[in-house]
Amino acid sequence: MKPCLDKQPASPDMPLLREWRRLTQAETFAIQARDWTELGQLQEAKSELQAQLSAIARGTKNHETTVLMADLISREVQNHGLMQTEMKDLRSQLDASTRSIKTIHSVHRAYGSKPEEARQNTCWEQLS
């Protein structure tokens, strides 16, 4: 006598959830590589996928679906943290660049260019 396996039928949204997981993993790599173009394309694909997921009638969730959804939530939270870190690093770089530009402008104002006649007799040019 064969044991009775109470196997629930696969949820119709499983292929879509697996694709979401694949896209989320690709997002992780894009964030780590700072490939913002790729990240934007992946997010567009996920937006389209979300529309498909929303169109599917939600039935009873089976264990596999529940586990996959928990995994997806965990990955999305991880990607959110990665993005926060990248944004913080980029803000720091931007702030450093802004300070450098301000310093260059200050130096330029202090030693700015003068008309050609006036520059010919400057001490700096005589020394160089």
C-alpha atoms as a PDB file:
ATOM      1  CA  MET A   1       0.000   0.000   0.000  1.00  0.00           C
ATOM      2  CA  LYS A   2       1.388   3.409  -0.996  1.00  0.00           C
ATOM      3  CA  PRO A   3       1.535   6.150   1.612  1.00  0.00           C
ATOM      4  CA  CYS A   4      -0.960   8.909   1.083  1.00  0.00           C
ATOM      5  CA  LEU A   5       0.864  12.093   0.189  1.00  0.00           C
ATOM      6  CA  ASP A   6      -1.162  15.163   0.913  1.00  0.00           C
ATOM      7  CA  LYS A   7       0.599  17.227  -1.703  1.00  0.00           C
ATOM      8  CA  GLN A   8      -1.002  20.584  -2.348  1.00  0.00           C
ATOM      9  CA  PRO A   9      -1.142  21.659  -5.963  1.00  0.00           C
ATOM     10  CA  ALA A  10       1.453  24.187  -7.020  1.00  0.00           C
ATOM     11  CA  SER A  11       0.290  27.732  -6.684  1.00  0.00           C
ATOM     12  CA  PRO A  12      -0.197  29.493 -10.048  1.00  0.00           C
ATOM     13  CA  ASP A  13       1.980  32.342  -8.855  1.00  0.00           C
ATOM     14  CA  MET A  14       5.052  30.173  -8.143  1.00  0.00           C
ATOM     15  CA  PRO A  15       6.717  30.775 -11.547  1.00  0.00           C
ATOM     16  CA  LEU A  16       6.174  34.500 -11.107  1.00  0.00           C
ATOM     17  CA  LEU A  17       7.580  34.437  -7.577  1.00  0.00           C
ATOM     18  CA  ARG A  18      10.625  32.495  -8.803  1.00  0.00           C
ATOM     19  CA  GLU A  19      11.153  35.106 -11.508  1.00  0.00           C
ATOM     20  CA  TRP A  20      10.844  37.821  -8.852  1.00  0.00           C
ATOM     21  CA  ARG A  21      13.565  36.060  -6.854  1.00  0.00           C
ATOM     22  CA  ARG A  22      15.795  35.874  -9.953  1.00  0.00           C
ATOM     23  CA  LEU A  23      15.287  39.591 -10.603  1.00  0.00           C
ATOM     24  CA  THR A  24      15.969  40.411  -6.941  1.00  0.00           C
ATOM     25  CA  GLN A  25      19.229  38.456  -7.060  1.00  0.00           C
ATOM     26  CA  ALA A  26      20.185  40.318 -10.240  1.00  0.00           C
ATOM     27  CA  GLU A  27      19.380  43.587  -8.458  1.00  0.00           C
ATOM     28  CA  THR A  28      21.817  42.659  -5.702  1.00  0.00           C
ATOM     29  CA  PHE A  29      24.599  42.202  -8.245  1.00  0.00           C
ATOM     30  CA  ALA A  30      23.666  45.442 -10.030  1.00  0.00           C
ATOM     31  CA  ILE A  31      23.759  47.395  -6.765  1.00  0.00           C
ATOM     32  CA  GLN A  32      27.113  45.903  -5.814  1.00  0.00           C
ATOM     33  CA  ALA A  33      28.477  46.763  -9.275  1.00  0.00           C
ATOM     34  CA  ARG A  34      26.905  50.235  -9.125  1.00  0.00           C
ATOM     35  CA  ASP A  35      25.252  49.491 -12.463  1.00  0.00           C
ATOM     36  CA  TRP A  36      22.346  51.895 -12.094  1.00  0.00           C
ATOM     37  CA  THR A  37      21.133  51.395 -15.669  1.00  0.00           C
ATOM     38  CA  GLU A  38      20.822  47.655 -15.128  1.00  0.00           C
ATOM     39  CA  LEU A  39      19.151  48.256 -11.770  1.00  0.00           C
ATOM     40  CA  GLY A  40      16.559  50.504 -13.408  1.00  0.00           C
ATOM     41  CA  GLN A  41      15.813  47.879 -16.050  1.00  0.00           C
ATOM     42  CA  LEU A  42      15.436  45.193 -13.395  1.00  0.00           C
ATOM     43  CA  GLN A  43      13.056  47.366 -11.412  1.00  0.00           C
ATOM     44  CA  GLU A  44      10.968  47.972 -14.540  1.00  0.00           C
ATOM     45  CA  ALA A  45      10.792  44.213 -15.091  1.00  0.00           C
ATOM     46  CA  LYS A  46       9.721  43.725 -11.480  1.00  0.00           C
ATOM     47  CA  SER A  47       7.035  46.369 -11.890  1.00  0.00           C
ATOM     48  CA  GLU A  48       5.601  44.456 -14.860  1.00  0.00           C
ATOM     49  CA  LEU A  49       5.849  41.230 -12.891  1.00  0.00           C
ATOM     50  CA  GLN A  50       3.997  42.822  -9.987  1.00  0.00           C
ATOM     51  CA  ALA A  51       1.119  43.624 -12.311  1.00  0.00           C
ATOM     52  CA  GLN A  52       0.993  39.964 -13.374  1.00  0.00           C
ATOM     53  CA  LEU A  53       1.098  38.798  -9.769  1.00  0.00           C
ATOM     54  CA  SER A  54      -1.736  41.142  -8.878  1.00  0.00           C
ATOM     55  CA  ALA A  55      -3.836  39.732 -11.709  1.00  0.00           C
ATOM     56  CA  ILE A  56      -3.625  36.174 -10.375  1.00  0.00           C
ATOM     57  CA  ALA A  57      -6.393  35.194  -8.017  1.00  0.00           C
ATOM     58  CA  ARG A  58      -4.934  34.461  -4.618  1.00  0.00           C
ATOM     59  CA  GLY A  59      -5.820  31.052  -3.307  1.00  0.00           C
ATOM     60  CA  THR A  60      -4.637  29.229  -0.269  1.00  0.00           C
ATOM     61  CA  LYS A  61      -0.907  29.547   0.103  1.00  0.00           C
ATOM     62  CA  ASN A  62       1.013  26.318   0.296  1.00  0.00           C
ATOM     63  CA  HIS A  63       4.201  25.828   2.291  1.00  0.00           C
ATOM     64  CA  GLU A  64       6.454  26.298  -0.754  1.00  0.00           C
ATOM     65  CA  THR A  65       4.832  29.633  -1.599  1.00  0.00           C
ATOM     66  CA  THR A  66       5.096  30.832   1.997  1.00  0.00           C
ATOM     67  CA  VAL A  67       8.790  29.893   2.193  1.00  0.00           C
ATOM     68  CA  LEU A  68       9.534  31.557  -1.143  1.00  0.00           C
ATOM     69  CA  MET A  69       7.714  34.732  -0.141  1.00  0.00           C
ATOM     70  CA  ALA A  70       9.638  34.890   3.153  1.00  0.00           C
ATOM     71  CA  ASP A  71      12.881  34.474   1.188  1.00  0.00           C
ATOM     72  CA  LEU A  72      11.856  37.256  -1.209  1.00  0.00           C
ATOM     73  CA  ILE A  73      11.058  39.618   1.638  1.00  0.00           C
ATOM     74  CA  SER A  74      14.441  38.895   3.206  1.00  0.00           C
ATOM     75  CA  ARG A  75      16.241  39.550  -0.092  1.00  0.00           C
ATOM     76  CA  GLU A  76      14.321  42.771  -0.673  1.00  0.00           C
ATOM     77  CA  VAL A  77      15.262  43.995   2.816  1.00  0.00           C
ATOM     78  CA  GLN A  78      18.903  43.093   2.092  1.00  0.00           C
ATOM     79  CA  ASN A  79      18.819  45.028  -1.197  1.00  0.00           C
ATOM     80  CA  HIS A  80      17.266  47.997   0.592  1.00  0.00           C
ATOM     81  CA  GLY A  81      20.183  47.972   3.042  1.00  0.00           C
ATOM     82  CA  LEU A  82      22.684  47.756   0.183  1.00  0.00           C
ATOM     83  CA  MET A  83      21.036  50.716  -1.534  1.00  0.00           C
ATOM     84  CA  GLN A  84      21.113  52.744   1.677  1.00  0.00           C
ATOM     85  CA  THR A  85      24.840  52.026   2.031  1.00  0.00           C
ATOM     86  CA  GLU A  86      25.527  52.925  -1.610  1.00  0.00           C
ATOM     87  CA  MET A  87      23.534  56.144  -1.307  1.00  0.00           C
ATOM     88  CA  LYS A  88      25.456  57.094   1.834  1.00  0.00           C
ATOM     89  CA  ASP A  89      28.777  56.452   0.060  1.00  0.00           C
ATOM     90  CA  LEU A  90      27.698  58.435  -2.990  1.00  0.00           C
ATOM     91  CA  ARG A  91      26.531  61.336  -0.808  1.00  0.00           C
ATOM     92  CA  SER A  92      29.939  61.359   0.897  1.00  0.00           C
ATOM     93  CA  GLN A  93      31.679  61.405  -2.496  1.00  0.00           C
ATOM     94  CA  LEU A  94      29.402  64.190  -3.679  1.00  0.00           C
ATOM     95  CA  ASP A  95      30.074  66.215  -0.535  1.00  0.00           C
ATOM     96  CA  ALA A  96      33.844  65.752  -0.976  1.00  0.00           C
ATOM     97  CA  SER A  97      33.592  66.809  -4.622  1.00  0.00           C
ATOM     98  CA  THR A  98      31.530  69.846  -3.671  1.00  0.00           C
ATOM     99  CA  ARG A  99      34.133  70.874  -1.086  1.00  0.00           C
ATOM    100  CA  SER A 100      36.896  70.454  -3.695  1.00  0.00           C
ATOM    101  CA  ILE A 101      35.030  72.585  -6.205  1.00  0.00           C
ATOM    102  CA  LYS A 102      34.481  75.304  -3.604  1.00  0.00           C
ATOM    103  CA  THR A 103      38.197  75.239  -2.765  1.00  0.00           C
ATOM    104  CA  ILE A 104      39.121  75.506  -6.446  1.00  0.00           C
ATOM    105  CA  HIS A 105      36.765  78.448  -6.860  1.00  0.00           C
ATOM    106  CA  SER A 106      38.283  80.141  -3.803  1.00  0.00           C
ATOM    107  CA  VAL A 107      41.787  79.653  -5.172  1.00  0.00           C
ATOM    108  CA  HIS A 108      40.687  80.903  -8.564  1.00  0.00           C
ATOM    109  CA  ARG A 109      39.183  84.033  -6.987  1.00  0.00           C
ATOM    110  CA  ALA A 110      42.362  84.637  -4.967  1.00  0.00           C
ATOM    111  CA  TYR A 111      44.764  84.065  -7.861  1.00  0.00           C
ATOM    112  CA  GLY A 112      42.363  84.647 -10.719  1.00  0.00           C
ATOM    113  CA  SER A 113      43.397  85.637 -14.211  1.00  0.00           C
ATOM    114  CA  LYS A 114      44.320  89.238 -15.022  1.00  0.00           C
ATOM    115  CA  PRO A 115      44.519  91.040 -18.352  1.00  0.00           C
ATOM    116  CA  GLU A 116      47.481  89.974 -20.510  1.00  0.00           C
ATOM    117  CA  GLU A 117      49.443  93.233 -19.961  1.00  0.00           C
ATOM    118  CA  ALA A 118      49.163  93.005 -16.205  1.00  0.00           C
ATOM    119  CA  ARG A 119      50.229  89.354 -16.157  1.00  0.00           C
ATOM    120  CA  GLN A 120      53.470  89.991 -17.997  1.00  0.00           C
ATOM    121  CA  ASN A 121      55.071  91.769 -15.074  1.00  0.00           C
ATOM    122  CA  THR A 122      53.898  89.673 -12.173  1.00  0.00           C
ATOM    123  CA  CYS A 123      56.387  88.296  -9.697  1.00  0.00           C
ATOM    124  CA  TRP A 124      55.104  84.798 -10.226  1.00  0.00           C
ATOM    125  CA  GLU A 125      55.882  84.793 -13.940  1.00  0.00           C
ATOM    126  CA  GLN A 126      59.288  86.365 -13.368  1.00  0.00           C
ATOM    127  CA  LEU A 127      60.186  83.540 -10.974  1.00  0.00           C
ATOM    128  CA  SER A 128      59.025  80.742 -13.225  1.00  0.00           C
END
